[in-house]
Amino acid sequence: MPLDKPYLDVPGTTIFDAEQSRRGYHLNQFCMSLMKAENRERFKANERAYLDEWPMTEAQKEAVLARDLNACIGLGGNIYFLAKLGATHGKSFQQMAGSMTGMTEEEYRDMMIAGGRSPEGNRRTGEDGTAQPHRQPQGTSTKRGL
């Protein structure tokens, strides 16, 4: 029996719930493997071969190869696990967040220092009447990658 998920109507937001956790289990385990130096070296030496050792979907592997963090999140990735992918390539969390918004690191930093994004248009449907119903991400993104 599917659960009622009223939180799915937040525009541009993917909630990491039990369903997302199941969807991204192997993707997130791959990311956790990057905590070990020997695994980071193996991954950097031949990314595709290392990814093929994990029972991830092809879409998940392609999102990792493209450094498309928004797609990774849509496919079950958790940002705290995905941070290990960024760190493997020398990226800070701030650089990663900027890439996910289509901003440079500096633009993202300045936006956050100025108070973040406006809540207008970013509320749940029904709160202000401007938001559209949420659609489950399909693993595609137009944002810049890492």
N, C-alpha and C. Protein backbone atom coordinates (compact mmCIF):
# COMPACT_ATOMS: atom_id res chain seq x y z
N MET A 1 0.84 -1.17 0.00
CA MET A 1 0.00 0.00 0.00
C MET A 1 0.89 1.24 0.00
N PRO A 2 0.79 2.08 -1.02
CA PRO A 2 1.64 3.27 -1.07
C PRO A 2 1.28 4.26 0.04
N LEU A 3 2.31 4.90 0.56
CA LEU A 3 2.10 5.90 1.58
C LEU A 3 1.71 7.23 0.95
N ASP A 4 0.90 7.99 1.67
CA ASP A 4 0.59 9.35 1.25
C ASP A 4 1.85 10.19 1.47
N LYS A 5 2.29 10.90 0.45
CA LYS A 5 3.51 11.68 0.54
C LYS A 5 3.23 13.14 0.17
N PRO A 6 2.61 13.88 1.09
CA PRO A 6 2.28 15.27 0.77
C PRO A 6 3.51 16.13 0.51
N TYR A 7 4.67 15.69 0.93
CA TYR A 7 5.90 16.46 0.74
C TYR A 7 6.43 16.40 -0.69
N LEU A 8 5.82 15.62 -1.57
CA LEU A 8 6.31 15.52 -2.93
C LEU A 8 5.94 16.72 -3.80
N ASP A 9 5.22 17.68 -3.24
CA ASP A 9 4.82 18.83 -4.06
C ASP A 9 5.64 20.08 -3.77
N VAL A 10 6.88 19.91 -3.31
CA VAL A 10 7.78 21.04 -3.13
C VAL A 10 8.56 21.21 -4.43
N PRO A 11 8.35 22.30 -5.15
CA PRO A 11 8.99 22.45 -6.46
C PRO A 11 10.52 22.35 -6.39
N GLY A 12 11.07 21.57 -7.30
CA GLY A 12 12.52 21.46 -7.41
C GLY A 12 13.19 20.71 -6.28
N THR A 13 12.43 19.99 -5.48
CA THR A 13 12.98 19.32 -4.31
C THR A 13 12.72 17.83 -4.39
N THR A 14 13.78 17.05 -4.18
CA THR A 14 13.65 15.61 -4.07
C THR A 14 13.88 15.25 -2.61
N ILE A 15 12.90 14.65 -2.00
CA ILE A 15 12.99 14.25 -0.60
C ILE A 15 13.62 12.87 -0.53
N PHE A 16 14.65 12.74 0.30
CA PHE A 16 15.31 11.44 0.47
C PHE A 16 14.54 10.65 1.52
N ASP A 17 13.57 9.89 1.03
CA ASP A 17 12.74 9.07 1.90
C ASP A 17 13.12 7.60 1.71
N ALA A 18 12.34 6.70 2.29
CA ALA A 18 12.66 5.27 2.19
C ALA A 18 12.70 4.79 0.75
N GLU A 19 11.78 5.28 -0.08
CA GLU A 19 11.76 4.87 -1.49
C GLU A 19 13.03 5.32 -2.21
N GLN A 20 13.43 6.57 -1.98
CA GLN A 20 14.67 7.08 -2.59
C GLN A 20 15.88 6.30 -2.06
N SER A 21 15.85 5.98 -0.78
CA SER A 21 16.95 5.23 -0.19
C SER A 21 17.11 3.87 -0.85
N ARG A 22 15.99 3.18 -1.09
CA ARG A 22 16.05 1.89 -1.77
C ARG A 22 16.55 2.07 -3.20
N ARG A 23 16.04 3.08 -3.89
CA ARG A 23 16.42 3.33 -5.28
C ARG A 23 17.92 3.59 -5.39
N GLY A 24 18.48 4.31 -4.44
CA GLY A 24 19.87 4.72 -4.54
C GLY A 24 20.86 3.92 -3.71
N TYR A 25 20.41 2.80 -3.15
CA TYR A 25 21.28 2.05 -2.24
C TYR A 25 22.67 1.79 -2.84
N HIS A 26 22.75 1.21 -4.02
CA HIS A 26 24.05 0.86 -4.61
C HIS A 26 24.83 2.09 -5.04
N LEU A 27 24.15 3.11 -5.51
CA LEU A 27 24.81 4.38 -5.85
C LEU A 27 25.47 4.96 -4.60
N ASN A 28 24.75 4.97 -3.50
CA ASN A 28 25.29 5.53 -2.27
C ASN A 28 26.40 4.66 -1.69
N GLN A 29 26.29 3.34 -1.84
CA GLN A 29 27.37 2.45 -1.39
C GLN A 29 28.63 2.66 -2.22
N PHE A 30 28.46 2.87 -3.53
CA PHE A 30 29.60 3.21 -4.38
C PHE A 30 30.28 4.47 -3.84
N CYS A 31 29.49 5.50 -3.57
CA CYS A 31 30.06 6.75 -3.05
C CYS A 31 30.81 6.53 -1.74
N MET A 32 30.23 5.73 -0.86
CA MET A 32 30.90 5.43 0.41
C MET A 32 32.22 4.70 0.21
N SER A 33 32.31 3.91 -0.86
CA SER A 33 33.55 3.19 -1.12
C SER A 33 34.70 4.16 -1.38
N LEU A 34 34.36 5.38 -1.80
CA LEU A 34 35.39 6.37 -2.12
C LEU A 34 36.04 6.96 -0.87
N MET A 35 35.62 6.52 0.29
CA MET A 35 36.28 6.94 1.52
C MET A 35 37.67 6.32 1.64
N LYS A 36 37.90 5.21 0.94
CA LYS A 36 39.20 4.54 1.00
C LYS A 36 40.06 5.01 -0.17
N ALA A 37 41.29 5.37 0.14
CA ALA A 37 42.22 5.90 -0.86
C ALA A 37 42.40 4.93 -2.03
N GLU A 38 42.52 3.65 -1.74
CA GLU A 38 42.74 2.68 -2.82
C GLU A 38 41.54 2.63 -3.77
N ASN A 39 40.34 2.81 -3.25
CA ASN A 39 39.16 2.82 -4.12
C ASN A 39 39.09 4.11 -4.94
N ARG A 40 39.47 5.23 -4.34
CA ARG A 40 39.50 6.48 -5.12
C ARG A 40 40.48 6.36 -6.27
N GLU A 41 41.63 5.77 -6.03
CA GLU A 41 42.64 5.61 -7.09
C GLU A 41 42.13 4.67 -8.18
N ARG A 42 41.49 3.58 -7.79
CA ARG A 42 40.94 2.65 -8.78
C ARG A 42 39.86 3.33 -9.62
N PHE A 43 39.00 4.10 -8.96
CA PHE A 43 37.94 4.81 -9.67
C PHE A 43 38.53 5.82 -10.65
N LYS A 44 39.48 6.62 -10.19
CA LYS A 44 40.06 7.64 -11.06
C LYS A 44 40.85 7.03 -12.21
N ALA A 45 41.40 5.85 -12.01
CA ALA A 45 42.18 5.19 -13.07
C ALA A 45 41.28 4.69 -14.20
N ASN A 46 40.08 4.21 -13.87
CA ASN A 46 39.15 3.71 -14.89
C ASN A 46 37.74 3.78 -14.30
N GLU A 47 37.13 4.94 -14.44
CA GLU A 47 35.84 5.18 -13.81
C GLU A 47 34.78 4.17 -14.23
N ARG A 48 34.67 3.92 -15.51
CA ARG A 48 33.62 3.02 -15.99
C ARG A 48 33.82 1.61 -15.44
N ALA A 49 35.04 1.13 -15.45
CA ALA A 49 35.31 -0.22 -14.94
C ALA A 49 34.95 -0.32 -13.46
N TYR A 50 35.30 0.70 -12.70
CA TYR A 50 34.98 0.67 -11.27
C TYR A 50 33.46 0.73 -11.06
N LEU A 51 32.79 1.58 -11.80
CA LEU A 51 31.32 1.66 -11.68
C LEU A 51 30.66 0.34 -12.05
N ASP A 52 31.21 -0.36 -13.04
CA ASP A 52 30.63 -1.62 -13.48
C ASP A 52 30.74 -2.72 -12.42
N GLU A 53 31.54 -2.50 -11.40
CA GLU A 53 31.62 -3.45 -10.29
C GLU A 53 30.42 -3.32 -9.35
N TRP A 54 29.63 -2.27 -9.52
CA TRP A 54 28.50 -1.99 -8.65
C TRP A 54 27.20 -2.28 -9.39
N PRO A 55 26.22 -2.89 -8.72
CA PRO A 55 24.94 -3.19 -9.37
C PRO A 55 24.01 -1.97 -9.45
N MET A 56 24.55 -0.90 -10.00
CA MET A 56 23.79 0.32 -10.19
C MET A 56 23.07 0.26 -11.54
N THR A 57 22.05 1.10 -11.70
CA THR A 57 21.40 1.18 -13.01
C THR A 57 22.33 1.91 -13.97
N GLU A 58 22.08 1.72 -15.25
CA GLU A 58 22.88 2.43 -16.25
C GLU A 58 22.70 3.94 -16.09
N ALA A 59 21.49 4.37 -15.79
CA ALA A 59 21.23 5.81 -15.60
C ALA A 59 22.05 6.36 -14.43
N GLN A 60 22.18 5.59 -13.36
CA GLN A 60 22.99 6.03 -12.22
C GLN A 60 24.46 6.14 -12.62
N LYS A 61 24.95 5.14 -13.35
CA LYS A 61 26.35 5.18 -13.79
C LYS A 61 26.60 6.37 -14.70
N GLU A 62 25.69 6.61 -15.63
CA GLU A 62 25.85 7.75 -16.55
C GLU A 62 25.81 9.07 -15.80
N ALA A 63 24.96 9.18 -14.79
CA ALA A 63 24.89 10.42 -14.00
C ALA A 63 26.21 10.65 -13.26
N VAL A 64 26.80 9.59 -12.72
CA VAL A 64 28.09 9.71 -12.04
C VAL A 64 29.15 10.15 -13.04
N LEU A 65 29.21 9.49 -14.19
CA LEU A 65 30.22 9.83 -15.20
C LEU A 65 30.07 11.26 -15.69
N ALA A 66 28.84 11.75 -15.76
CA ALA A 66 28.58 13.13 -16.20
C ALA A 66 28.74 14.13 -15.07
N ARG A 67 28.94 13.64 -13.85
CA ARG A 67 29.03 14.49 -12.65
C ARG A 67 27.75 15.32 -12.49
N ASP A 68 26.64 14.73 -12.87
CA ASP A 68 25.34 15.39 -12.78
C ASP A 68 24.71 15.05 -11.44
N LEU A 69 25.00 15.87 -10.45
CA LEU A 69 24.54 15.60 -9.09
C LEU A 69 23.02 15.67 -8.97
N ASN A 70 22.39 16.53 -9.73
CA ASN A 70 20.93 16.60 -9.69
C ASN A 70 20.32 15.29 -10.19
N ALA A 71 20.88 14.73 -11.25
CA ALA A 71 20.40 13.44 -11.74
C ALA A 71 20.68 12.36 -10.72
N CYS A 72 21.86 12.38 -10.09
CA CYS A 72 22.18 11.38 -9.07
C CYS A 72 21.16 11.43 -7.93
N ILE A 73 20.80 12.63 -7.51
CA ILE A 73 19.81 12.77 -6.44
C ILE A 73 18.46 12.23 -6.90
N GLY A 74 18.07 12.55 -8.11
CA GLY A 74 16.81 12.04 -8.64
C GLY A 74 16.78 10.53 -8.74
N LEU A 75 17.96 9.93 -8.84
CA LEU A 75 18.07 8.47 -8.96
C LEU A 75 18.37 7.79 -7.63
N GLY A 76 18.16 8.53 -6.54
CA GLY A 76 18.31 7.94 -5.22
C GLY A 76 19.56 8.32 -4.47
N GLY A 77 20.40 9.14 -5.06
CA GLY A 77 21.62 9.55 -4.36
C GLY A 77 21.31 10.51 -3.22
N ASN A 78 22.08 10.39 -2.18
CA ASN A 78 21.97 11.29 -1.03
C ASN A 78 23.16 12.22 -1.09
N ILE A 79 22.92 13.51 -0.91
CA ILE A 79 23.98 14.51 -1.07
C ILE A 79 25.16 14.24 -0.14
N TYR A 80 24.91 13.69 1.04
CA TYR A 80 26.02 13.44 1.96
C TYR A 80 26.91 12.29 1.47
N PHE A 81 26.34 11.35 0.75
CA PHE A 81 27.15 10.31 0.12
C PHE A 81 27.81 10.86 -1.14
N LEU A 82 27.05 11.62 -1.92
CA LEU A 82 27.58 12.19 -3.16
C LEU A 82 28.73 13.15 -2.90
N ALA A 83 28.81 13.71 -1.71
CA ALA A 83 29.92 14.60 -1.36
C ALA A 83 31.26 13.87 -1.50
N LYS A 84 31.26 12.55 -1.29
CA LYS A 84 32.49 11.78 -1.43
C LYS A 84 32.95 11.74 -2.88
N LEU A 85 31.99 11.74 -3.81
CA LEU A 85 32.33 11.80 -5.24
C LEU A 85 32.97 13.15 -5.54
N GLY A 86 32.39 14.22 -5.05
CA GLY A 86 32.96 15.54 -5.25
C GLY A 86 34.35 15.66 -4.66
N ALA A 87 34.52 15.16 -3.43
CA ALA A 87 35.82 15.25 -2.76
C ALA A 87 36.88 14.45 -3.51
N THR A 88 36.47 13.34 -4.13
CA THR A 88 37.40 12.53 -4.92
C THR A 88 38.00 13.36 -6.05
N HIS A 89 37.24 14.31 -6.53
CA HIS A 89 37.70 15.16 -7.63
C HIS A 89 38.11 16.54 -7.15
N GLY A 90 38.33 16.68 -5.85
CA GLY A 90 38.85 17.93 -5.30
C GLY A 90 37.84 19.06 -5.21
N LYS A 91 36.56 18.73 -5.17
CA LYS A 91 35.51 19.75 -5.12
C LYS A 91 35.00 19.92 -3.69
N SER A 92 34.80 21.16 -3.29
CA SER A 92 34.22 21.44 -1.99
C SER A 92 32.70 21.27 -2.06
N PHE A 93 32.08 21.18 -0.92
CA PHE A 93 30.62 21.08 -0.89
C PHE A 93 30.00 22.33 -1.50
N GLN A 94 30.61 23.47 -1.28
CA GLN A 94 30.10 24.72 -1.85
C GLN A 94 30.20 24.71 -3.37
N GLN A 95 31.28 24.19 -3.91
CA GLN A 95 31.41 24.06 -5.37
C GLN A 95 30.35 23.11 -5.91
N MET A 96 30.11 22.02 -5.20
CA MET A 96 29.10 21.06 -5.63
C MET A 96 27.73 21.71 -5.64
N ALA A 97 27.38 22.40 -4.57
CA ALA A 97 26.06 23.05 -4.49
C ALA A 97 25.90 24.07 -5.61
N GLY A 98 26.94 24.83 -5.88
CA GLY A 98 26.88 25.79 -6.97
C GLY A 98 26.61 25.11 -8.30
N SER A 99 27.29 23.98 -8.54
CA SER A 99 27.10 23.27 -9.81
C SER A 99 25.67 22.76 -9.94
N MET A 100 25.03 22.45 -8.83
CA MET A 100 23.67 21.91 -8.86
C MET A 100 22.64 23.00 -9.15
N THR A 101 23.00 24.24 -8.93
CA THR A 101 22.07 25.35 -9.16
C THR A 101 22.33 26.07 -10.47
N GLY A 102 23.41 25.68 -11.16
CA GLY A 102 23.78 26.37 -12.38
C GLY A 102 24.54 27.66 -12.12
N MET A 103 25.00 27.83 -10.89
CA MET A 103 25.75 29.02 -10.51
C MET A 103 27.23 28.67 -10.36
N THR A 104 28.05 29.68 -10.42
CA THR A 104 29.45 29.48 -10.06
C THR A 104 29.52 29.36 -8.54
N GLU A 105 30.66 28.91 -8.06
CA GLU A 105 30.84 28.83 -6.61
C GLU A 105 30.64 30.19 -5.96
N GLU A 106 31.18 31.23 -6.59
CA GLU A 106 31.08 32.58 -6.03
C GLU A 106 29.63 33.08 -6.03
N GLU A 107 28.91 32.83 -7.12
CA GLU A 107 27.50 33.23 -7.19
C GLU A 107 26.68 32.52 -6.11
N TYR A 108 26.94 31.24 -5.94
CA TYR A 108 26.22 30.47 -4.93
C TYR A 108 26.54 31.00 -3.53
N ARG A 109 27.82 31.21 -3.26
CA ARG A 109 28.24 31.73 -1.96
C ARG A 109 27.57 33.07 -1.68
N ASP A 110 27.60 33.96 -2.66
CA ASP A 110 27.01 35.29 -2.48
C ASP A 110 25.50 35.20 -2.24
N MET A 111 24.83 34.29 -2.95
CA MET A 111 23.39 34.11 -2.75
C MET A 111 23.11 33.64 -1.33
N MET A 112 23.89 32.70 -0.84
CA MET A 112 23.67 32.17 0.50
C MET A 112 23.99 33.22 1.56
N ILE A 113 25.04 34.00 1.37
CA ILE A 113 25.38 35.07 2.33
C ILE A 113 24.28 36.11 2.37
N ALA A 114 23.64 36.34 1.23
CA ALA A 114 22.55 37.32 1.15
C ALA A 114 21.23 36.78 1.69
N GLY A 115 21.22 35.55 2.18
CA GLY A 115 20.01 35.02 2.78
C GLY A 115 19.38 33.87 2.04
N GLY A 116 19.99 33.40 0.97
CA GLY A 116 19.46 32.24 0.25
C GLY A 116 18.40 32.62 -0.77
N ARG A 117 17.73 31.63 -1.26
CA ARG A 117 16.70 31.84 -2.28
C ARG A 117 15.42 32.36 -1.65
N SER A 118 14.68 33.08 -2.43
CA SER A 118 13.38 33.55 -1.99
C SER A 118 12.42 32.37 -1.87
N PRO A 119 11.56 32.37 -0.86
CA PRO A 119 10.57 31.29 -0.75
C PRO A 119 9.45 31.41 -1.79
N GLU A 120 9.36 32.56 -2.45
CA GLU A 120 8.30 32.76 -3.44
C GLU A 120 8.47 31.76 -4.58
N GLY A 121 7.42 31.01 -4.83
CA GLY A 121 7.45 30.00 -5.88
C GLY A 121 8.11 28.70 -5.47
N ASN A 122 8.57 28.64 -4.24
CA ASN A 122 9.25 27.44 -3.75
C ASN A 122 8.54 26.80 -2.57
N ARG A 123 7.29 27.17 -2.37
CA ARG A 123 6.51 26.57 -1.30
C ARG A 123 5.72 25.38 -1.82
N ARG A 124 5.17 24.63 -0.89
CA ARG A 124 4.31 23.51 -1.28
C ARG A 124 3.09 24.03 -2.01
N THR A 125 2.61 23.23 -2.94
CA THR A 125 1.39 23.58 -3.66
C THR A 125 0.29 23.83 -2.62
N GLY A 126 -0.44 24.90 -2.79
CA GLY A 126 -1.52 25.22 -1.87
C GLY A 126 -1.13 26.23 -0.81
N GLU A 127 0.16 26.38 -0.53
CA GLU A 127 0.58 27.35 0.49
C GLU A 127 0.48 28.78 -0.04
N ASP A 128 0.88 28.95 -1.30
CA ASP A 128 0.77 30.31 -1.84
C ASP A 128 0.15 30.32 -3.24
N GLY A 129 -0.21 29.15 -3.72
CA GLY A 129 -0.89 29.05 -5.01
C GLY A 129 0.00 29.18 -6.22
N THR A 130 1.33 29.36 -6.03
CA THR A 130 2.21 29.57 -7.18
C THR A 130 2.93 28.29 -7.61
N ALA A 131 3.06 27.34 -6.71
CA ALA A 131 3.82 26.14 -7.03
C ALA A 131 2.99 25.16 -7.85
N GLN A 132 3.68 24.40 -8.65
CA GLN A 132 3.05 23.36 -9.46
C GLN A 132 3.26 22.02 -8.78
N PRO A 133 2.40 21.05 -9.01
CA PRO A 133 2.59 19.73 -8.41
C PRO A 133 3.94 19.14 -8.79
N HIS A 134 4.54 18.46 -7.84
CA HIS A 134 5.86 17.84 -8.02
C HIS A 134 5.77 16.63 -8.94
N ARG A 135 6.75 16.48 -9.80
CA ARG A 135 6.89 15.28 -10.61
C ARG A 135 8.16 14.57 -10.16
N GLN A 136 8.08 13.27 -10.01
CA GLN A 136 9.25 12.50 -9.58
C GLN A 136 10.36 12.65 -10.61
N PRO A 137 11.59 13.01 -10.19
CA PRO A 137 12.70 13.18 -11.14
C PRO A 137 12.97 11.91 -11.92
N GLN A 138 13.36 12.08 -13.16
CA GLN A 138 13.66 10.94 -14.02
C GLN A 138 15.16 10.76 -14.21
N GLY A 139 15.96 11.53 -13.48
CA GLY A 139 17.40 11.36 -13.59
C GLY A 139 18.04 12.19 -14.68
N THR A 140 17.34 13.22 -15.12
CA THR A 140 17.93 14.10 -16.12
C THR A 140 17.99 15.50 -15.54
N SER A 141 18.93 16.26 -16.01
CA SER A 141 19.12 17.60 -15.49
C SER A 141 19.75 18.48 -16.54
N THR A 142 19.46 19.76 -16.46
CA THR A 142 20.11 20.71 -17.35
C THR A 142 21.18 21.50 -16.61
N LYS A 143 21.41 21.19 -15.36
CA LYS A 143 22.41 21.89 -14.56
C LYS A 143 23.80 21.43 -14.94
N ARG A 144 24.77 22.31 -14.67
CA ARG A 144 26.16 21.95 -14.91
C ARG A 144 26.62 20.87 -13.94
N GLY A 145 27.52 20.01 -14.37
CA GLY A 145 28.06 18.97 -13.51
C GLY A 145 29.26 19.49 -12.75
N LEU A 146 29.87 18.59 -11.98
CA LEU A 146 31.05 18.96 -11.18
C LEU A 146 32.13 19.46 -12.08
